[in-house]
Structure formats: C-alpha cells, structure tokens
Protein backbone atom coordinates (compact mmCIF):
# COMPACT_ATOMS: atom_id res chain seq x y z
CA MET A 1 0.06 -0.01 -0.01
CA SER A 2 1.34 3.60 -0.94
CA LEU A 3 0.22 6.93 -0.14
CA SER A 4 0.49 9.24 -3.82
CA ALA A 5 0.65 12.72 -3.95
CA ASN A 6 -3.02 13.68 -4.58
CA GLY A 7 -3.44 11.77 -1.31
CA SER A 8 -5.03 8.74 -2.55
CA ILE A 9 -4.12 5.29 -1.62
CA GLY A 10 -2.91 3.05 -4.10
CA ILE A 11 -3.46 -0.37 -3.41
CA PRO A 12 -1.36 -3.32 -4.45
CA MET A 13 -2.80 -5.13 -7.80
CA SER A 14 -1.91 -8.85 -6.18
CA PHE A 15 -4.24 -7.75 -3.01
CA ASN A 16 -7.18 -7.10 -5.52
CA ASN A 17 -6.23 -10.24 -7.58
CA SER A 18 -6.45 -11.92 -3.99
CA GLU A 19 -10.02 -10.40 -3.32
CA ARG A 20 -11.15 -11.59 -7.03
CA VAL A 21 -10.05 -15.24 -6.55
CA SER A 22 -11.39 -15.70 -2.87
CA GLY A 23 -14.52 -13.92 -4.15
CA LEU A 24 -14.80 -16.32 -7.14
CA MET A 25 -14.38 -19.27 -4.67
CA LYS A 26 -16.90 -18.28 -2.56
CA VAL A 27 -19.41 -17.99 -5.61
CA VAL A 28 -18.02 -21.53 -6.78
CA HIS A 29 -18.84 -22.91 -3.60
CA ARG A 30 -22.26 -21.34 -3.12
CA ILE A 31 -23.19 -23.10 -6.68
CA ARG A 32 -21.43 -26.28 -5.89
CA ASP A 33 -23.38 -26.72 -2.64
CA GLY A 34 -26.68 -25.63 -4.15
CA LEU A 35 -26.56 -28.02 -6.54
CA SER A 36 -25.87 -30.91 -4.41
CA ILE A 37 -29.18 -30.14 -2.54
CA TYR A 38 -30.73 -31.49 -6.05
CA TYR A 39 -27.81 -34.12 -6.63
CA ARG A 40 -28.34 -36.10 -3.62
CA PRO A 41 -31.29 -36.93 -3.95
CA LEU A 42 -32.31 -36.68 -7.54
CA GLY A 43 -28.93 -37.05 -9.25
CA LEU A 44 -28.38 -35.60 -12.83
CA ARG A 45 -32.21 -34.84 -13.05
CA GLY A 46 -32.18 -32.65 -10.29
CA VAL A 47 -29.17 -30.68 -11.24
CA LEU A 48 -30.85 -30.04 -14.55
CA ALA A 49 -34.23 -29.24 -13.09
CA ILE A 50 -32.56 -26.52 -10.90
CA SER A 51 -30.58 -25.23 -13.69
CA THR A 52 -33.19 -24.63 -16.20
CA HIS A 53 -35.69 -23.26 -13.18
CA ARG A 54 -32.84 -20.63 -12.64
CA LEU A 55 -32.35 -19.56 -15.90
CA PHE A 56 -36.36 -20.12 -17.32
CA GLY A 57 -38.68 -20.51 -14.48
CA TRP A 58 -39.36 -23.76 -15.10
CA PRO A 59 -40.07 -26.49 -13.84
CA LYS A 60 -41.69 -25.48 -10.71
CA LYS A 61 -42.35 -28.66 -9.24
CA LEU A 62 -40.66 -32.17 -9.63
CA ARG A 63 -41.91 -35.85 -9.40
CA ALA A 64 -39.76 -38.51 -7.50
CA ARG A 65 -40.91 -41.85 -6.61
CA PRO A 66 -38.26 -43.27 -4.01
CA LEU A 67 -37.91 -47.38 -3.36
CA GLY A 68 -40.65 -48.88 -0.91
CA ILE A 69 -43.17 -45.83 -1.53
CA ARG A 70 -46.28 -46.31 -3.49
CA LYS A 71 -46.99 -43.17 -5.01
CA PRO A 72 -44.96 -40.35 -6.51
CA VAL A 73 -44.30 -37.65 -4.36
CA HIS A 74 -44.73 -33.82 -5.57
CA LEU A 75 -41.83 -31.30 -4.29
CA ARG A 76 -41.68 -27.36 -5.07
CA MET A 77 -38.16 -26.04 -6.64
CA ARG A 78 -36.55 -23.80 -4.42
CA THR A 79 -37.79 -24.50 -1.39
CA THR A 80 -36.77 -26.98 1.49
CA ASP A 81 -39.20 -29.70 0.16
CA ILE A 82 -35.86 -31.32 -1.98
CA SER A 83 -34.29 -31.50 1.94
CA ILE A 84 -37.19 -32.98 3.52
CA TYR A 85 -37.77 -35.46 0.93
CA ASP A 86 -33.91 -36.42 1.21
CA GLN A 87 -34.07 -36.34 4.85
CA VAL A 88 -37.30 -38.34 5.80
CA LEU A 89 -37.95 -40.57 2.22
CA LEU A 90 -34.15 -41.17 1.34
CA GLY A 91 -32.21 -40.76 4.57
CA GLY A 92 -34.40 -42.96 6.79
CA GLN A 93 -35.12 -40.11 9.38
CA TYR A 94 -37.92 -42.15 10.93
CA ASP A 95 -36.61 -45.68 9.95
CA PHE A 96 -37.01 -47.28 13.11
CA ASP A 97 -38.96 -50.09 14.38
CA LEU A 98 -41.82 -49.64 16.84
CA PRO A 99 -42.61 -51.74 19.93
CA PHE A 100 -45.82 -51.46 18.96
CA LEU A 101 -48.33 -51.29 16.12
CA PRO A 102 -49.78 -47.46 15.64
CA ALA A 103 -53.53 -47.63 14.85
CA THR A 104 -53.76 -43.77 14.83
CA ILE A 105 -50.77 -41.36 14.05
CA VAL A 106 -51.32 -37.80 14.35
CA ASP A 107 -48.10 -36.09 12.19
CA ALA A 108 -48.31 -32.75 13.98
CA GLY A 109 -46.46 -30.23 11.61
CA ALA A 110 -46.70 -32.31 8.65
CA ASN A 111 -45.21 -29.88 6.13
CA ILE A 112 -45.79 -31.50 2.81
CA GLY A 113 -46.62 -34.87 4.03
CA MET A 114 -43.52 -36.79 4.06
CA ALA A 115 -43.60 -38.35 7.28
CA SER A 116 -47.21 -39.36 6.79
CA ILE A 117 -46.31 -40.98 3.60
CA TYR A 118 -43.49 -42.56 5.07
CA TYR A 119 -45.72 -44.20 7.72
CA ALA A 120 -48.91 -44.82 5.28
CA ASN A 121 -46.67 -47.26 3.73
CA LYS A 122 -44.80 -48.48 6.65
CA TYR A 123 -48.30 -49.20 8.67
CA PRO A 124 -50.76 -49.33 5.76
CA ASP A 125 -53.29 -50.50 8.55
CA ALA A 126 -52.68 -47.23 10.38
CA LYS A 127 -55.30 -44.15 10.29
CA ILE A 128 -52.82 -40.90 10.08
CA ILE A 129 -53.90 -37.05 10.71
CA ALA A 130 -51.90 -35.04 8.90
CA VAL A 131 -51.84 -31.46 10.46
CA GLU A 132 -50.48 -28.39 8.97
CA ALA A 133 -50.91 -25.02 9.15
CA GLU A 134 -48.93 -22.80 6.77
CA ALA A 135 -51.20 -22.86 3.74
CA SER A 136 -48.67 -23.08 0.89
CA ASN A 137 -47.42 -26.43 2.58
CA PHE A 138 -50.79 -27.58 2.93
CA ALA A 139 -51.68 -27.20 -0.83
CA ILE A 140 -48.88 -29.12 -1.80
CA LEU A 141 -49.37 -31.69 1.33
CA THR A 142 -52.93 -32.16 0.18
CA HIS A 143 -51.79 -32.90 -3.70
CA ASN A 144 -49.19 -35.45 -1.77
CA VAL A 145 -51.22 -37.59 0.32
CA ARG A 146 -54.30 -37.80 -2.14
CA PRO A 147 -53.41 -41.68 -3.20
CA TYR A 148 -53.28 -42.68 0.31
CA PRO A 149 -57.50 -42.96 1.78
CA ASN A 150 -55.77 -43.72 5.49
CA ILE A 151 -54.25 -40.08 5.45
CA LEU A 152 -56.68 -37.05 6.78
CA ALA A 153 -55.25 -34.11 5.86
CA ILE A 154 -56.38 -30.94 8.38
CA HIS A 155 -55.35 -27.18 7.71
CA ALA A 156 -54.66 -26.44 11.31
CA ALA A 157 -52.25 -26.31 14.13
CA LEU A 158 -52.26 -28.37 17.11
CA TRP A 159 -52.94 -26.44 20.25
CA ASN A 160 -54.35 -26.55 23.69
CA ARG A 161 -57.43 -24.72 22.68
CA ASP A 162 -60.16 -24.62 19.73
CA GLY A 163 -59.86 -21.45 18.07
CA GLU A 164 -57.99 -18.91 16.11
CA ILE A 165 -54.18 -18.64 17.17
CA SER A 166 -51.14 -16.82 15.08
CA LEU A 167 -48.58 -18.05 12.51
CA ALA A 168 -45.39 -16.91 12.41
CA ALA A 169 -42.58 -16.98 9.59
CA PRO A 170 -38.84 -18.72 10.96
CA ASN A 171 -36.79 -15.49 11.74
CA ALA A 172 -33.11 -15.17 9.79
CA LEU A 173 -34.17 -16.86 7.35
CA ASP A 174 -35.67 -16.69 3.43
CA CYS A 175 -39.05 -17.11 3.86
CA ALA A 176 -39.39 -17.46 -0.06
CA CYS A 177 -37.34 -20.87 0.26
CA CYS A 178 -37.75 -22.11 3.54
CA LYS A 179 -41.05 -24.00 4.48
CA VAL A 180 -39.55 -25.17 7.70
CA GLY A 181 -39.74 -23.58 11.09
CA PHE A 182 -42.84 -21.95 11.50
CA GLY A 183 -44.02 -21.03 15.17
CA VAL A 184 -47.77 -20.41 16.50
CA SER A 185 -48.68 -18.60 19.16
CA GLU A 186 -51.53 -16.27 20.68
CA GLY A 187 -49.61 -13.27 19.24
CA LYS A 188 -49.23 -11.34 16.22
CA GLY A 189 -49.13 -13.25 12.50
CA VAL A 190 -51.14 -15.00 10.25
CA PRO A 191 -54.60 -16.61 11.55
CA VAL A 192 -54.56 -20.01 11.57
CA ARG A 193 -56.97 -22.69 13.22
CA GLY A 194 -56.00 -24.04 16.41
CA VAL A 195 -57.05 -27.66 17.53
CA THR A 196 -56.62 -29.28 20.09
CA MET A 197 -56.12 -33.50 20.24
CA ARG A 198 -59.67 -34.37 21.63
CA THR A 199 -61.00 -32.33 18.84
CA LEU A 200 -58.63 -34.36 16.34
CA MET A 201 -59.52 -38.16 18.00
CA GLY A 202 -63.36 -36.87 17.80
CA ARG A 203 -63.55 -37.10 13.90
CA ARG A 204 -65.56 -40.74 13.98
CA ARG A 205 -63.40 -42.29 10.96
CA PHE A 206 -60.38 -42.13 13.20
CA ILE A 207 -61.40 -43.42 16.39
CA PRO A 208 -59.85 -46.56 16.70
CA SER A 209 -62.10 -49.52 17.09
CA THR A 210 -59.97 -51.07 19.95
CA CYS A 211 -57.19 -49.41 22.28
CA SER A 212 -54.89 -52.74 22.43
CA ARG A 213 -55.15 -56.03 20.71
CA LEU A 214 -52.24 -58.90 19.46
CA THR A 215 -51.65 -59.02 15.91
CA SER A 216 -50.44 -61.65 14.08
CA LYS A 217 -46.96 -60.42 15.03
CA GLY A 218 -47.53 -60.70 18.53
CA LEU A 219 -47.16 -56.89 18.97
CA LYS A 220 -49.72 -54.64 20.68
CA ARG A 221 -51.66 -52.47 18.56
CA ARG A 222 -51.76 -48.95 20.45
CA SER A 223 -54.40 -46.67 19.50
CA LEU A 224 -52.53 -43.62 19.04
CA SER A 225 -48.96 -42.35 18.44
CA LEU A 226 -47.92 -38.43 17.94
CA VAL A 227 -45.16 -38.32 15.61
CA ILE A 228 -43.62 -34.64 16.57
CA GLY A 229 -40.35 -33.54 14.44
CA SER A 230 -38.26 -36.53 14.46
CA ARG A 231 -39.57 -38.40 17.29
CA THR A 232 -42.50 -40.26 18.00
CA PHE A 233 -44.35 -40.64 21.00
CA PRO A 234 -47.01 -43.51 22.13
CA VAL A 235 -49.97 -41.71 23.81
CA SER A 236 -52.08 -43.92 24.73
C-alpha cells in the first residue's frame, strides 16, 4: 500500500487479485453446495431441473418416487421440500421399529406430508392425521397424500385449545425458500385454526375400534402415536 502525491491510497494489484479470487471461490462453493442439494436425492435430473429453473423459471415442481413408496411425491423447486424429501424418504429419518403397531398416528406439523407418507407405507393399516398450518405447505400436502385413503389432511395447528391462533414465519431465514420452522402462538401473525388432540380424535372415522389387541406378529396395537419433528411418542 502506498500514498500518492494527491493523497489517494494505492492498493497493490496482487491484493485486488487475491480478493477477486476469494470472491470467485465463494461463488463457486455456493453453486456447488446448491447443486449438491438436488444431485444427492435426484441425480443429474435434479441438477438439470434446478439449472433450468434458475434460467427460465421452470419446472416449478418435480415428481419423485423412491423405493418402497407406492406413489410419486411432488416437490417445489427452490424450497426446503427437496431436503425434507431427502431426509425422510431417502435418508431414513423415521426408519426405526416401534415396539407396537400404531392404529392412529398424528403427524403434528406435517409440512408437505413426507412423514405421513412414510408411515402410510410402513403401517398401511394405521389411520394417519396430517396437521399442517402453513397454507402453501398444506396445498402441496393435500396433493401428495391424495392417493392414500388412510391419511386425513387438516389445515390447522395442534394447540391447547380450539380457536384462532397466529402463525409466524421462521426468523433469520429466506421465507420464500424456507418452508419449515413456522411457529404458532397467541400473538401477532397470520390467523390459523388451532385444534386440540381431543378435537382431532373426535373425528369418527379415526377413532380406533379397539385400544389394544395382539396382532399376527405378536405385537400390541396401540390406539394412538404422536409424531413431532423426528420423534414418535406412544400416547395411549
């Protein structure tokens, strides 16, 4: 660095070049990381899809059908749908055996239905209630679970009372892309319906005919399991 006669500061060219290279490498790493999100679960098809979407705005959605899942699922481009699909249906986030066979499963915060679909395929005799409060998530959820008669999608949030509550977007995230982490509260936000577990289980078609019985595999069938995040809880 040097000081010229007119008082301006001169920066060596090598310093500018170093900054340019560093900036270029950051861009390359961001592109690589972005493409890997699509390549890992969808291969070259996913890379081609996100590339054309960035350039031309299409496709808006992708169809995917992993092994062991009876029907294809629909995923929105440039959202967290791809990562959730990768984690749940490909990565086996819920791939563990329960010590009982659930008769009814409540998927609280069902998002686009990946966990509900996983359980509908693993436990085809179980009744599944998929509860999702965010409107755009619920729209794709209903599309994804339509082929499964044992899944009931409800546009609401699980809460400690019935009535109107508020939905808030996740903080410090690009809400146009991030479709997870929404919070519900009694404060300000988008109005949504709150429902209690008692209300959910009051839907007659989802009341189990028996609370506990022995199956052909010798496992007890429990009447209700609750799925929250990546954990499953026997309720009764």
